[in-house]
């Protein structure tokens, strides 16, 4: 099921404990509830042609950098993928803070 005017929204915010959260949301149909637990599994796909490796790779990258990733459906339609990463201070910021 497609939407007439597809839209993707990306937002970010700083969280406590020096984390940054990035949310990627769309206005599509979302994902079926029965797929939620397997979205990040290797080769999981709902398409007839596809290998579904994007989300496991994304999770590996995010976790390798000390973050977390999750997915949820938005009320009213659409999916949200949200990941957190530790906040990074540039070397110049660290020096000027001394």
Protein backbone atom coordinates (compact mmCIF):
# COMPACT_ATOMS: atom_id res chain seq x y z
CA UNK A 1 0.00 0.00 0.00
CA UNK A 2 1.58 3.26 -1.09
CA UNK A 3 0.77 6.81 -0.15
CA UNK A 4 -0.13 9.63 -2.49
CA UNK A 5 2.58 11.97 -1.22
CA UNK A 6 5.44 9.98 0.38
CA UNK A 7 7.30 11.87 3.07
CA UNK A 8 10.34 11.14 5.22
CA UNK A 9 11.12 13.26 8.27
CA UNK A 10 14.48 13.20 10.06
CA UNK A 11 14.83 14.82 13.47
CA UNK A 12 17.52 14.81 16.11
CA UNK A 13 17.85 15.86 19.72
CA UNK A 14 20.31 15.67 22.58
CA UNK A 15 19.31 13.31 25.39
CA UNK A 16 20.60 13.03 28.95
CA UNK A 17 23.75 10.97 29.52
CA UNK A 18 25.48 12.62 26.53
CA UNK A 19 23.43 10.79 23.90
CA UNK A 20 22.09 12.04 20.59
CA UNK A 21 18.84 10.57 19.24
CA UNK A 22 18.04 10.52 15.52
CA UNK A 23 14.51 9.66 14.36
CA UNK A 24 13.69 8.75 10.75
CA UNK A 25 9.93 8.61 10.16
CA UNK A 26 7.78 8.07 7.10
CA UNK A 27 4.09 8.36 6.33
CA UNK A 28 3.74 4.95 4.69
CA UNK A 29 1.77 1.97 5.95
CA UNK A 30 4.30 1.05 8.66
CA UNK A 31 5.20 -2.57 9.27
CA UNK A 32 3.03 -5.48 10.29
CA UNK A 33 3.08 -6.07 14.07
CA UNK A 34 4.10 -9.69 13.52
CA UNK A 35 7.33 -8.48 11.85
CA UNK A 36 8.47 -6.19 14.68
CA UNK A 37 10.58 -8.82 16.45
CA UNK A 38 12.35 -9.86 13.24
CA UNK A 39 12.96 -6.47 11.55
CA UNK A 40 16.65 -6.51 12.48
CA UNK A 41 17.19 -10.20 11.62
CA UNK A 42 19.51 -11.11 8.78
CA UNK A 43 17.76 -11.62 5.45
CA UNK A 44 14.34 -10.61 6.82
CA UNK A 45 12.23 -9.15 4.01
CA UNK A 46 8.57 -8.92 3.12
CA UNK A 47 9.35 -8.43 -0.57
CA UNK A 48 9.33 -11.26 -3.12
CA UNK A 49 12.68 -10.03 -4.48
CA UNK A 50 15.12 -8.89 -1.83
CA UNK A 51 17.58 -9.95 0.81
CA UNK A 52 16.70 -7.54 3.62
CA UNK A 53 20.22 -6.89 4.91
CA UNK A 54 19.94 -3.14 5.53
CA UNK A 55 18.60 -3.12 9.07
CA UNK A 56 20.98 -5.72 10.53
CA UNK A 57 23.91 -3.80 9.05
CA UNK A 58 22.52 -0.56 10.47
CA UNK A 59 22.17 -2.15 13.90
CA UNK A 60 25.75 -3.48 13.76
CA UNK A 61 27.10 -0.02 12.89
CA UNK A 62 25.06 1.78 15.55
CA UNK A 63 25.94 -0.73 18.27
CA UNK A 64 29.63 -0.68 17.29
CA UNK A 65 29.56 3.04 18.08
CA UNK A 66 27.93 2.52 21.48
CA UNK A 67 24.33 3.21 20.43
CA UNK A 68 20.98 1.50 20.16
CA UNK A 69 18.37 1.27 17.41
CA UNK A 70 14.67 0.46 17.46
CA UNK A 71 11.59 0.58 15.26
CA UNK A 72 7.97 1.41 15.97
CA UNK A 73 4.80 2.18 14.08
CA UNK A 74 3.38 5.68 14.40
CA UNK A 75 -0.24 6.02 15.46
CA UNK A 76 -2.20 6.81 12.33
CA UNK A 77 0.35 5.28 9.96
CA UNK A 78 4.01 5.26 9.15
CA UNK A 79 7.10 3.78 10.69
CA UNK A 80 9.78 5.36 12.86
CA UNK A 81 13.33 4.12 13.15
CA UNK A 82 15.13 5.69 16.06
CA UNK A 83 18.76 5.34 17.02
CA UNK A 84 20.94 6.82 19.72
CA UNK A 85 24.67 7.44 19.67
CA UNK A 86 27.02 8.82 22.28
CA UNK A 87 27.52 12.54 21.84
CA UNK A 88 30.96 13.42 20.51
CA UNK A 89 32.91 16.55 21.36
CA UNK A 90 35.34 17.78 18.78
CA UNK A 91 38.97 18.06 19.82
CA UNK A 92 38.71 21.88 19.63
CA UNK A 93 35.74 21.85 22.02
CA UNK A 94 37.62 19.72 24.51
CA UNK A 95 40.65 22.02 24.40
CA UNK A 96 38.58 25.19 24.79
CA UNK A 97 36.75 23.65 27.77
CA UNK A 98 40.04 23.38 29.70
